[in-house]
Amino acid sequence: GIHRGCMKPENSRSYDSRPVLPETYTS
């Protein structure tokens, strides 16, 4: 439950592609 919307079918992605997200943070 910590990830909002992660179980919605419209958010599903193929495992062979990475999402393109605009922000990054290095640990």
mmCIF file of all heavy atoms, coordinates in Angstrom:
data_MODEL
# 
_entry.id   MODEL 
# 
loop_
_atom_site.group_PDB 
_atom_site.id 
_atom_site.type_symbol 
_atom_site.label_atom_id 
_atom_site.label_alt_id 
_atom_site.label_comp_id 
_atom_site.label_asym_id 
_atom_site.label_entity_id 
_atom_site.label_seq_id 
_atom_site.pdbx_PDB_ins_code 
_atom_site.Cartn_x 
_atom_site.Cartn_y 
_atom_site.Cartn_z 
_atom_site.occupancy 
_atom_site.B_iso_or_equiv 
_atom_site.pdbx_formal_charge 
_atom_site.auth_seq_id 
_atom_site.auth_comp_id 
_atom_site.auth_asym_id 
_atom_site.auth_atom_id 
_atom_site.pdbx_PDB_model_num 
ATOM 1   N N   . GLY A 1 1  ? 0.773  -1.226 0.000   1.00 0.00 ? 1  GLY A N   1 
ATOM 2   C CA  . GLY A 1 1  ? 0.000  0.000  0.000   1.00 0.00 ? 1  GLY A CA  1 
ATOM 3   C C   . GLY A 1 1  ? 0.809  1.282  0.000   1.00 0.00 ? 1  GLY A C   1 
ATOM 4   O O   . GLY A 1 1  ? 0.242  2.361  -0.042  1.00 0.00 ? 1  GLY A O   1 
ATOM 5   N N   . ILE A 1 2  ? 2.125  1.224  0.066   1.00 0.00 ? 2  ILE A N   1 
ATOM 6   C CA  . ILE A 1 2  ? 2.897  2.453  0.151   1.00 0.00 ? 2  ILE A CA  1 
ATOM 7   C C   . ILE A 1 2  ? 3.047  3.122  -1.207  1.00 0.00 ? 2  ILE A C   1 
ATOM 8   O O   . ILE A 1 2  ? 3.252  4.307  -1.316  1.00 0.00 ? 2  ILE A O   1 
ATOM 9   C CB  . ILE A 1 2  ? 4.269  2.212  0.797   1.00 0.00 ? 2  ILE A CB  1 
ATOM 10  C CG1 . ILE A 1 2  ? 4.847  3.528  1.272   1.00 0.00 ? 2  ILE A CG1 1 
ATOM 11  C CG2 . ILE A 1 2  ? 5.219  1.532  -0.155  1.00 0.00 ? 2  ILE A CG2 1 
ATOM 12  C CD1 . ILE A 1 2  ? 5.974  3.365  2.253   1.00 0.00 ? 2  ILE A CD1 1 
ATOM 13  N N   . HIS A 1 3  ? 2.931  2.365  -2.288  1.00 0.00 ? 3  HIS A N   1 
ATOM 14  C CA  . HIS A 1 3  ? 3.072  2.910  -3.623  1.00 0.00 ? 3  HIS A CA  1 
ATOM 15  C C   . HIS A 1 3  ? 1.693  3.165  -4.204  1.00 0.00 ? 3  HIS A C   1 
ATOM 16  O O   . HIS A 1 3  ? 0.995  2.238  -4.590  1.00 0.00 ? 3  HIS A O   1 
ATOM 17  C CB  . HIS A 1 3  ? 3.864  1.955  -4.522  1.00 0.00 ? 3  HIS A CB  1 
ATOM 18  C CG  . HIS A 1 3  ? 5.197  1.625  -3.945  1.00 0.00 ? 3  HIS A CG  1 
ATOM 19  N ND1 . HIS A 1 3  ? 6.204  2.546  -3.865  1.00 0.00 ? 3  HIS A ND1 1 
ATOM 20  C CD2 . HIS A 1 3  ? 5.680  0.507  -3.367  1.00 0.00 ? 3  HIS A CD2 1 
ATOM 21  C CE1 . HIS A 1 3  ? 7.253  2.004  -3.295  1.00 0.00 ? 3  HIS A CE1 1 
ATOM 22  N NE2 . HIS A 1 3  ? 6.958  0.772  -2.982  1.00 0.00 ? 3  HIS A NE2 1 
ATOM 23  N N   . ARG A 1 4  ? 1.304  4.434  -4.260  1.00 0.00 ? 4  ARG A N   1 
ATOM 24  C CA  . ARG A 1 4  ? -0.021 4.788  -4.757  1.00 0.00 ? 4  ARG A CA  1 
ATOM 25  C C   . ARG A 1 4  ? -0.189 4.353  -6.204  1.00 0.00 ? 4  ARG A C   1 
ATOM 26  O O   . ARG A 1 4  ? 0.618  4.664  -7.052  1.00 0.00 ? 4  ARG A O   1 
ATOM 27  C CB  . ARG A 1 4  ? -0.217 6.299  -4.667  1.00 0.00 ? 4  ARG A CB  1 
ATOM 28  C CG  . ARG A 1 4  ? -0.254 6.791  -3.251  1.00 0.00 ? 4  ARG A CG  1 
ATOM 29  C CD  . ARG A 1 4  ? -0.302 8.262  -3.244  1.00 0.00 ? 4  ARG A CD  1 
ATOM 30  N NE  . ARG A 1 4  ? 0.996  8.726  -3.770  1.00 0.00 ? 4  ARG A NE  1 
ATOM 31  C CZ  . ARG A 1 4  ? 1.323  9.977  -3.906  1.00 0.00 ? 4  ARG A CZ  1 
ATOM 32  N NH1 . ARG A 1 4  ? 0.491  10.920 -3.595  1.00 0.00 ? 4  ARG A NH1 1 
ATOM 33  N NH2 . ARG A 1 4  ? 2.516  10.323 -4.377  1.00 0.00 ? 4  ARG A NH2 1 
ATOM 34  N N   . GLY A 1 5  ? -1.250 3.616  -6.476  1.00 0.00 ? 5  GLY A N   1 
ATOM 35  C CA  . GLY A 1 5  ? -1.612 3.281  -7.836  1.00 0.00 ? 5  GLY A CA  1 
ATOM 36  C C   . GLY A 1 5  ? -0.792 2.192  -8.502  1.00 0.00 ? 5  GLY A C   1 
ATOM 37  O O   . GLY A 1 5  ? -0.953 1.953  -9.685  1.00 0.00 ? 5  GLY A O   1 
ATOM 38  N N   . CYS A 1 6  ? 0.084  1.538  -7.777  1.00 0.00 ? 6  CYS A N   1 
ATOM 39  C CA  . CYS A 1 6  ? 0.975  0.585  -8.447  1.00 0.00 ? 6  CYS A CA  1 
ATOM 40  C C   . CYS A 1 6  ? 0.248  -0.670 -8.919  1.00 0.00 ? 6  CYS A C   1 
ATOM 41  O O   . CYS A 1 6  ? 0.768  -1.394 -9.739  1.00 0.00 ? 6  CYS A O   1 
ATOM 42  C CB  . CYS A 1 6  ? 2.159  0.223  -7.560  1.00 0.00 ? 6  CYS A CB  1 
ATOM 43  S SG  . CYS A 1 6  ? 1.717  -0.717 -6.104  1.00 0.00 ? 6  CYS A SG  1 
ATOM 44  N N   . MET A 1 7  ? -0.935 -0.928 -8.429  1.00 0.00 ? 7  MET A N   1 
ATOM 45  C CA  . MET A 1 7  ? -1.653 -2.127 -8.823  1.00 0.00 ? 7  MET A CA  1 
ATOM 46  C C   . MET A 1 7  ? -2.685 -1.853 -9.916  1.00 0.00 ? 7  MET A C   1 
ATOM 47  O O   . MET A 1 7  ? -3.384 -2.732 -10.335 1.00 0.00 ? 7  MET A O   1 
ATOM 48  C CB  . MET A 1 7  ? -2.342 -2.744 -7.604  1.00 0.00 ? 7  MET A CB  1 
ATOM 49  C CG  . MET A 1 7  ? -1.373 -3.204 -6.519  1.00 0.00 ? 7  MET A CG  1 
ATOM 50  S SD  . MET A 1 7  ? -0.112 -4.328 -7.096  1.00 0.00 ? 7  MET A SD  1 
ATOM 51  C CE  . MET A 1 7  ? -1.096 -5.775 -7.369  1.00 0.00 ? 7  MET A CE  1 
ATOM 52  N N   . LYS A 1 8  ? -2.784 -0.613 -10.408 1.00 0.00 ? 8  LYS A N   1 
ATOM 53  C CA  . LYS A 1 8  ? -3.736 -0.297 -11.457 1.00 0.00 ? 8  LYS A CA  1 
ATOM 54  C C   . LYS A 1 8  ? -3.283 -0.918 -12.772 1.00 0.00 ? 8  LYS A C   1 
ATOM 55  O O   . LYS A 1 8  ? -2.131 -0.768 -13.154 1.00 0.00 ? 8  LYS A O   1 
ATOM 56  C CB  . LYS A 1 8  ? -3.838 1.220  -11.635 1.00 0.00 ? 8  LYS A CB  1 
ATOM 57  C CG  . LYS A 1 8  ? -4.433 1.940  -10.459 1.00 0.00 ? 8  LYS A CG  1 
ATOM 58  C CD  . LYS A 1 8  ? -4.459 3.423  -10.741 1.00 0.00 ? 8  LYS A CD  1 
ATOM 59  C CE  . LYS A 1 8  ? -4.924 4.207  -9.547  1.00 0.00 ? 8  LYS A CE  1 
ATOM 60  N NZ  . LYS A 1 8  ? -4.846 5.649  -9.800  1.00 0.00 ? 8  LYS A NZ  1 
ATOM 61  N N   . PRO A 1 9  ? -4.174 -1.570 -13.498 1.00 0.00 ? 9  PRO A N   1 
ATOM 62  C CA  . PRO A 1 9  ? -3.788 -2.179 -14.762 1.00 0.00 ? 9  PRO A CA  1 
ATOM 63  C C   . PRO A 1 9  ? -3.238 -1.167 -15.762 1.00 0.00 ? 9  PRO A C   1 
ATOM 64  O O   . PRO A 1 9  ? -2.345 -1.467 -16.519 1.00 0.00 ? 9  PRO A O   1 
ATOM 65  C CB  . PRO A 1 9  ? -5.082 -2.802 -15.290 1.00 0.00 ? 9  PRO A CB  1 
ATOM 66  C CG  . PRO A 1 9  ? -5.995 -2.886 -14.135 1.00 0.00 ? 9  PRO A CG  1 
ATOM 67  C CD  . PRO A 1 9  ? -5.551 -1.863 -13.140 1.00 0.00 ? 9  PRO A CD  1 
ATOM 68  N N   . GLU A 1 10 ? -3.767 0.079  -15.761 1.00 0.00 ? 10 GLU A N   1 
ATOM 69  C CA  . GLU A 1 10 ? -3.283 1.063  -16.730 1.00 0.00 ? 10 GLU A CA  1 
ATOM 70  C C   . GLU A 1 10 ? -1.843 1.487  -16.456 1.00 0.00 ? 10 GLU A C   1 
ATOM 71  O O   . GLU A 1 10 ? -1.200 2.086  -17.305 1.00 0.00 ? 10 GLU A O   1 
ATOM 72  C CB  . GLU A 1 10 ? -4.191 2.302  -16.775 1.00 0.00 ? 10 GLU A CB  1 
ATOM 73  C CG  . GLU A 1 10 ? -4.238 3.104  -15.487 1.00 0.00 ? 10 GLU A CG  1 
ATOM 74  C CD  . GLU A 1 10 ? -5.338 2.679  -14.536 1.00 0.00 ? 10 GLU A CD  1 
ATOM 75  O OE1 . GLU A 1 10 ? -5.911 1.603  -14.720 1.00 0.00 ? 10 GLU A OE1 1 
ATOM 76  O OE2 . GLU A 1 10 ? -5.619 3.434  -13.585 1.00 0.00 ? 10 GLU A OE2 1 
ATOM 77  N N   . ASN A 1 11 ? -1.307 1.178  -15.281 1.00 0.00 ? 11 ASN A N   1 
ATOM 78  C CA  . ASN A 1 11 ? 0.076  1.524  -14.959 1.00 0.00 ? 11 ASN A CA  1 
ATOM 79  C C   . ASN A 1 11 ? 1.037  0.376  -15.231 1.00 0.00 ? 11 ASN A C   1 
ATOM 80  O O   . ASN A 1 11 ? 2.223  0.518  -15.001 1.00 0.00 ? 11 ASN A O   1 
ATOM 81  C CB  . ASN A 1 11 ? 0.206  1.931  -13.489 1.00 0.00 ? 11 ASN A CB  1 
ATOM 82  C CG  . ASN A 1 11 ? -0.444 3.259  -13.221 1.00 0.00 ? 11 ASN A CG  1 
ATOM 83  O OD1 . ASN A 1 11 ? -0.695 4.034  -14.135 1.00 0.00 ? 11 ASN A OD1 1 
ATOM 84  N ND2 . ASN A 1 11 ? -0.740 3.523  -11.965 1.00 0.00 ? 11 ASN A ND2 1 
ATOM 85  N N   . SER A 1 12 ? 0.513  -0.742 -15.692 1.00 0.00 ? 12 SER A N   1 
ATOM 86  C CA  . SER A 1 12 ? 1.388  -1.886 -15.899 1.00 0.00 ? 12 SER A CA  1 
ATOM 87  C C   . SER A 1 12 ? 2.314  -1.621 -17.081 1.00 0.00 ? 12 SER A C   1 
ATOM 88  O O   . SER A 1 12 ? 1.946  -0.985 -18.057 1.00 0.00 ? 12 SER A O   1 
ATOM 89  C CB  . SER A 1 12 ? 0.575  -3.150 -16.117 1.00 0.00 ? 12 SER A CB  1 
ATOM 90  O OG  . SER A 1 12 ? -0.189 -3.034 -17.275 1.00 0.00 ? 12 SER A OG  1 
ATOM 91  N N   . ARG A 1 13 ? 3.534  -2.092 -16.959 1.00 0.00 ? 13 ARG A N   1 
ATOM 92  C CA  . ARG A 1 13 ? 4.542  -1.905 -17.996 1.00 0.00 ? 13 ARG A CA  1 
ATOM 93  C C   . ARG A 1 13 ? 5.148  -3.252 -18.334 1.00 0.00 ? 13 ARG A C   1 
ATOM 94  O O   . ARG A 1 13 ? 5.133  -4.178 -17.545 1.00 0.00 ? 13 ARG A O   1 
ATOM 95  C CB  . ARG A 1 13 ? 5.658  -0.986 -17.498 1.00 0.00 ? 13 ARG A CB  1 
ATOM 96  C CG  . ARG A 1 13 ? 5.198  0.413  -17.204 1.00 0.00 ? 13 ARG A CG  1 
ATOM 97  C CD  . ARG A 1 13 ? 6.395  1.253  -16.770 1.00 0.00 ? 13 ARG A CD  1 
ATOM 98  N NE  . ARG A 1 13 ? 5.983  2.602  -16.471 1.00 0.00 ? 13 ARG A NE  1 
ATOM 99  C CZ  . ARG A 1 13 ? 5.769  3.054  -15.255 1.00 0.00 ? 13 ARG A CZ  1 
ATOM 100 N NH1 . ARG A 1 13 ? 5.930  2.282  -14.225 1.00 0.00 ? 13 ARG A NH1 1 
ATOM 101 N NH2 . ARG A 1 13 ? 5.403  4.298  -15.066 1.00 0.00 ? 13 ARG A NH2 1 
ATOM 102 N N   . SER A 1 14 ? 5.724  -3.311 -19.500 1.00 0.00 ? 14 SER A N   1 
ATOM 103 C CA  . SER A 1 14 ? 6.434  -4.503 -19.914 1.00 0.00 ? 14 SER A CA  1 
ATOM 104 C C   . SER A 1 14 ? 7.701  -4.633 -19.080 1.00 0.00 ? 14 SER A C   1 
ATOM 105 O O   . SER A 1 14 ? 8.329  -3.643 -18.732 1.00 0.00 ? 14 SER A O   1 
ATOM 106 C CB  . SER A 1 14 ? 6.785  -4.385 -21.398 1.00 0.00 ? 14 SER A CB  1 
ATOM 107 O OG  . SER A 1 14 ? 7.671  -5.401 -21.758 1.00 0.00 ? 14 SER A OG  1 
ATOM 108 N N   . TYR A 1 15 ? 8.085  -5.845 -18.760 1.00 0.00 ? 15 TYR A N   1 
ATOM 109 C CA  . TYR A 1 15 ? 9.294  -6.055 -17.967 1.00 0.00 ? 15 TYR A CA  1 
ATOM 110 C C   . TYR A 1 15 ? 10.562 -5.812 -18.773 1.00 0.00 ? 15 TYR A C   1 
ATOM 111 O O   . TYR A 1 15 ? 11.631 -5.683 -18.218 1.00 0.00 ? 15 TYR A O   1 
ATOM 112 C CB  . TYR A 1 15 ? 9.319  -7.472 -17.383 1.00 0.00 ? 15 TYR A CB  1 
ATOM 113 C CG  . TYR A 1 15 ? 8.354  -7.642 -16.249 1.00 0.00 ? 15 TYR A CG  1 
ATOM 114 C CD1 . TYR A 1 15 ? 7.228  -8.441 -16.387 1.00 0.00 ? 15 TYR A CD1 1 
ATOM 115 C CD2 . TYR A 1 15 ? 8.559  -7.005 -15.040 1.00 0.00 ? 15 TYR A CD2 1 
ATOM 116 C CE1 . TYR A 1 15 ? 6.339  -8.588 -15.349 1.00 0.00 ? 15 TYR A CE1 1 
ATOM 117 C CE2 . TYR A 1 15 ? 7.675  -7.148 -13.990 1.00 0.00 ? 15 TYR A CE2 1 
ATOM 118 C CZ  . TYR A 1 15 ? 6.565  -7.945 -14.159 1.00 0.00 ? 15 TYR A CZ  1 
ATOM 119 O OH  . TYR A 1 15 ? 5.692  -8.093 -13.128 1.00 0.00 ? 15 TYR A OH  1 
ATOM 120 N N   . ASP A 1 16 ? 10.451 -5.735 -20.090 1.00 0.00 ? 16 ASP A N   1 
ATOM 121 C CA  . ASP A 1 16 ? 11.643 -5.510 -20.895 1.00 0.00 ? 16 ASP A CA  1 
ATOM 122 C C   . ASP A 1 16 ? 11.871 -4.040 -21.240 1.00 0.00 ? 16 ASP A C   1 
ATOM 123 O O   . ASP A 1 16 ? 12.783 -3.704 -21.974 1.00 0.00 ? 16 ASP A O   1 
ATOM 124 C CB  . ASP A 1 16 ? 11.617 -6.354 -22.165 1.00 0.00 ? 16 ASP A CB  1 
ATOM 125 C CG  . ASP A 1 16 ? 10.425 -6.038 -23.051 1.00 0.00 ? 16 ASP A CG  1 
ATOM 126 O OD1 . ASP A 1 16 ? 9.539  -5.280 -22.620 1.00 0.00 ? 16 ASP A OD1 1 
ATOM 127 O OD2 . ASP A 1 16 ? 10.387 -6.566 -24.171 1.00 0.00 ? 16 ASP A OD2 1 
ATOM 128 N N   . SER A 1 17 ? 11.047 -3.143 -20.699 1.00 0.00 ? 17 SER A N   1 
ATOM 129 C CA  . SER A 1 17 ? 11.254 -1.715 -20.921 1.00 0.00 ? 17 SER A CA  1 
ATOM 130 C C   . SER A 1 17 ? 11.276 -0.986 -19.586 1.00 0.00 ? 17 SER A C   1 
ATOM 131 O O   . SER A 1 17 ? 10.637 -1.387 -18.627 1.00 0.00 ? 17 SER A O   1 
ATOM 132 C CB  . SER A 1 17 ? 10.154 -1.150 -21.818 1.00 0.00 ? 17 SER A CB  1 
ATOM 133 O OG  . SER A 1 17 ? 8.914  -1.192 -21.147 1.00 0.00 ? 17 SER A OG  1 
ATOM 134 N N   . ARG A 1 18 ? 12.035 0.094  -19.543 1.00 0.00 ? 18 ARG A N   1 
ATOM 135 C CA  . ARG A 1 18 ? 12.123 0.896  -18.324 1.00 0.00 ? 18 ARG A CA  1 
ATOM 136 C C   . ARG A 1 18 ? 11.260 2.134  -18.481 1.00 0.00 ? 18 ARG A C   1 
ATOM 137 O O   . ARG A 1 18 ? 11.218 2.728  -19.551 1.00 0.00 ? 18 ARG A O   1 
ATOM 138 C CB  . ARG A 1 18 ? 13.566 1.322  -18.086 1.00 0.00 ? 18 ARG A CB  1 
ATOM 139 C CG  . ARG A 1 18 ? 14.480 0.181  -17.799 1.00 0.00 ? 18 ARG A CG  1 
ATOM 140 C CD  . ARG A 1 18 ? 15.875 0.683  -17.568 1.00 0.00 ? 18 ARG A CD  1 
ATOM 141 N NE  . ARG A 1 18 ? 16.753 -0.435 -17.261 1.00 0.00 ? 18 ARG A NE  1 
ATOM 142 C CZ  . ARG A 1 18 ? 18.002 -0.295 -16.886 1.00 0.00 ? 18 ARG A CZ  1 
ATOM 143 N NH1 . ARG A 1 18 ? 18.541 0.895  -16.803 1.00 0.00 ? 18 ARG A NH1 1 
ATOM 144 N NH2 . ARG A 1 18 ? 18.730 -1.347 -16.619 1.00 0.00 ? 18 ARG A NH2 1 
ATOM 145 N N   . PRO A 1 19 ? 10.601 2.559  -17.411 1.00 0.00 ? 19 PRO A N   1 
ATOM 146 C CA  . PRO A 1 19 ? 9.844  3.802  -17.502 1.00 0.00 ? 19 PRO A CA  1 
ATOM 147 C C   . PRO A 1 19 ? 10.802 4.987  -17.643 1.00 0.00 ? 19 PRO A C   1 
ATOM 148 O O   . PRO A 1 19 ? 11.954 4.923  -17.202 1.00 0.00 ? 19 PRO A O   1 
ATOM 149 C CB  . PRO A 1 19 ? 9.090  3.856  -16.175 1.00 0.00 ? 19 PRO A CB  1 
ATOM 150 C CG  . PRO A 1 19 ? 9.830  2.962  -15.259 1.00 0.00 ? 19 PRO A CG  1 
ATOM 151 C CD  . PRO A 1 19 ? 10.515 1.936  -16.104 1.00 0.00 ? 19 PRO A CD  1 
ATOM 152 N N   . VAL A 1 20 ? 10.335 6.036  -18.268 1.00 0.00 ? 20 VAL A N   1 
ATOM 153 C CA  . VAL A 1 20 ? 11.139 7.249  -18.386 1.00 0.00 ? 20 VAL A CA  1 
ATOM 154 C C   . VAL A 1 20 ? 10.599 8.237  -17.368 1.00 0.00 ? 20 VAL A C   1 
ATOM 155 O O   . VAL A 1 20 ? 9.469  8.706  -17.489 1.00 0.00 ? 20 VAL A O   1 
ATOM 156 C CB  . VAL A 1 20 ? 11.052 7.833  -19.817 1.00 0.00 ? 20 VAL A CB  1 
ATOM 157 C CG1 . VAL A 1 20 ? 11.829 9.126  -19.901 1.00 0.00 ? 20 VAL A CG1 1 
ATOM 158 C CG2 . VAL A 1 20 ? 11.551 6.821  -20.826 1.00 0.00 ? 20 VAL A CG2 1 
ATOM 159 N N   . LEU A 1 21 ? 11.395 8.526  -16.344 1.00 0.00 ? 21 LEU A N   1 
ATOM 160 C CA  . LEU A 1 21 ? 10.988 9.443  -15.287 1.00 0.00 ? 21 LEU A CA  1 
ATOM 161 C C   . LEU A 1 21 ? 11.961 10.616 -15.244 1.00 0.00 ? 21 LEU A C   1 
ATOM 162 O O   . LEU A 1 21 ? 13.174 10.429 -15.386 1.00 0.00 ? 21 LEU A O   1 
ATOM 163 C CB  . LEU A 1 21 ? 10.948 8.713  -13.944 1.00 0.00 ? 21 LEU A CB  1 
ATOM 164 C CG  . LEU A 1 21 ? 9.966  7.531  -13.885 1.00 0.00 ? 21 LEU A CG  1 
ATOM 165 C CD1 . LEU A 1 21 ? 10.132 6.761  -12.590 1.00 0.00 ? 21 LEU A CD1 1 
ATOM 166 C CD2 . LEU A 1 21 ? 8.540  8.021  -14.025 1.00 0.00 ? 21 LEU A CD2 1 
ATOM 167 N N   . PRO A 1 22 ? 11.449 11.831 -15.031 1.00 0.00 ? 22 PRO A N   1 
ATOM 168 C CA  . PRO A 1 22 ? 12.279 13.030 -15.164 1.00 0.00 ? 22 PRO A CA  1 
ATOM 169 C C   . PRO A 1 22 ? 13.250 13.295 -14.016 1.00 0.00 ? 22 PRO A C   1 
ATOM 170 O O   . PRO A 1 22 ? 14.235 14.001 -14.197 1.00 0.00 ? 22 PRO A O   1 
ATOM 171 C CB  . PRO A 1 22 ? 11.252 14.152 -15.268 1.00 0.00 ? 22 PRO A CB  1 
ATOM 172 C CG  . PRO A 1 22 ? 10.058 13.640 -14.546 1.00 0.00 ? 22 PRO A CG  1 
ATOM 173 C CD  . PRO A 1 22 ? 10.057 12.159 -14.786 1.00 0.00 ? 22 PRO A CD  1 
ATOM 174 N N   . GLU A 1 23 ? 13.007 12.769 -12.850 1.00 0.00 ? 23 GLU A N   1 
ATOM 175 C CA  . GLU A 1 23 ? 13.832 13.078 -11.680 1.00 0.00 ? 23 GLU A CA  1 
ATOM 176 C C   . GLU A 1 23 ? 14.641 11.856 -11.246 1.00 0.00 ? 23 GLU A C   1 
ATOM 177 O O   . GLU A 1 23 ? 14.166 10.729 -11.344 1.00 0.00 ? 23 GLU A O   1 
ATOM 178 C CB  . GLU A 1 23 ? 12.946 13.523 -10.510 1.00 0.00 ? 23 GLU A CB  1 
ATOM 179 C CG  . GLU A 1 23 ? 12.025 14.683 -10.822 1.00 0.00 ? 23 GLU A CG  1 
ATOM 180 C CD  . GLU A 1 23 ? 12.763 15.985 -11.031 1.00 0.00 ? 23 GLU A CD  1 
ATOM 181 O OE1 . GLU A 1 23 ? 13.864 16.164 -10.472 1.00 0.00 ? 23 GLU A OE1 1 
ATOM 182 O OE2 . GLU A 1 23 ? 12.238 16.847 -11.764 1.00 0.00 ? 23 GLU A OE2 1 
ATOM 183 N N   . THR A 1 24 ? 15.866 12.093 -10.768 1.00 0.00 ? 24 THR A N   1 
ATOM 184 C CA  . THR A 1 24 ? 16.695 11.011 -10.229 1.00 0.00 ? 24 THR A CA  1 
ATOM 185 C C   . THR A 1 24 ? 17.384 11.470 -8.951  1.00 0.00 ? 24 THR A C   1 
ATOM 186 O O   . THR A 1 24 ? 17.581 12.665 -8.729  1.00 0.00 ? 24 THR A O   1 
ATOM 187 C CB  . THR A 1 24 ? 17.783 10.556 -11.225 1.00 0.00 ? 24 THR A CB  1 
ATOM 188 O OG1 . THR A 1 24 ? 18.632 11.652 -11.527 1.00 0.00 ? 24 THR A OG1 1 
ATOM 189 C CG2 . THR A 1 24 ? 17.178 9.991  -12.488 1.00 0.00 ? 24 THR A CG2 1 
ATOM 190 N N   . TYR A 1 25 ? 17.735 10.492 -8.130  1.00 0.00 ? 25 TYR A N   1 
ATOM 191 C CA  . TYR A 1 25 ? 18.465 10.735 -6.889  1.00 0.00 ? 25 TYR A CA  1 
ATOM 192 C C   . TYR A 1 25 ? 19.420 9.567  -6.689  1.00 0.00 ? 25 TYR A C   1 
ATOM 193 O O   . TYR A 1 25 ? 19.014 8.409  -6.781  1.00 0.00 ? 25 TYR A O   1 
ATOM 194 C CB  . TYR A 1 25 ? 17.487 10.839 -5.705  1.00 0.00 ? 25 TYR A CB  1 
ATOM 195 C CG  . TYR A 1 25 ? 18.142 10.839 -4.352  1.00 0.00 ? 25 TYR A CG  1 
ATOM 196 C CD1 . TYR A 1 25 ? 18.815 11.971 -3.892  1.00 0.00 ? 25 TYR A CD1 1 
ATOM 197 C CD2 . TYR A 1 25 ? 18.095 9.722  -3.534  1.00 0.00 ? 25 TYR A CD2 1 
ATOM 198 C CE1 . TYR A 1 25 ? 19.420 11.971 -2.641  1.00 0.00 ? 25 TYR A CE1 1 
ATOM 199 C CE2 . TYR A 1 25 ? 18.697 9.713  -2.290  1.00 0.00 ? 25 TYR A CE2 1 
ATOM 200 C CZ  . TYR A 1 25 ? 19.353 10.842 -1.845  1.00 0.00 ? 25 TYR A CZ  1 
ATOM 201 O OH  . TYR A 1 25 ? 19.958 10.849 -0.603  1.00 0.00 ? 25 TYR A OH  1 
ATOM 202 N N   . THR A 1 26 ? 20.678 9.870  -6.429  1.00 0.00 ? 26 THR A N   1 
ATOM 203 C CA  . THR A 1 26 ? 21.669 8.826  -6.160  1.00 0.00 ? 26 THR A CA  1 
ATOM 204 C C   . THR A 1 26 ? 21.739 8.608  -4.653  1.00 0.00 ? 26 THR A C   1 
ATOM 205 O O   . THR A 1 26 ? 21.875 9.570  -3.889  1.00 0.00 ? 26 THR A O   1 
ATOM 206 C CB  . THR A 1 26 ? 23.058 9.233  -6.691  1.00 0.00 ? 26 THR A CB  1 
ATOM 207 O OG1 . THR A 1 26 ? 22.942 9.483  -8.091  1.00 0.00 ? 26 THR A OG1 1 
ATOM 208 C CG2 . THR A 1 26 ? 24.071 8.128  -6.464  1.00 0.00 ? 26 THR A CG2 1 
ATOM 209 N N   . SER A 1 27 ? 21.638 7.343  -4.232  1.00 0.00 ? 27 SER A N   1 
ATOM 210 C CA  . SER A 1 27 ? 21.700 7.033  -2.799  1.00 0.00 ? 27 SER A CA  1 
ATOM 211 C C   . SER A 1 27 ? 23.052 7.469  -2.232  1.00 0.00 ? 27 SER A C   1 
ATOM 212 O O   . SER A 1 27 ? 24.024 7.663  -2.965  1.00 0.00 ? 27 SER A O   1 
ATOM 213 C CB  . SER A 1 27 ? 21.477 5.542  -2.557  1.00 0.00 ? 27 SER A CB  1 
ATOM 214 O OG  . SER A 1 27 ? 22.580 4.798  -3.033  1.00 0.00 ? 27 SER A OG  1 
# 
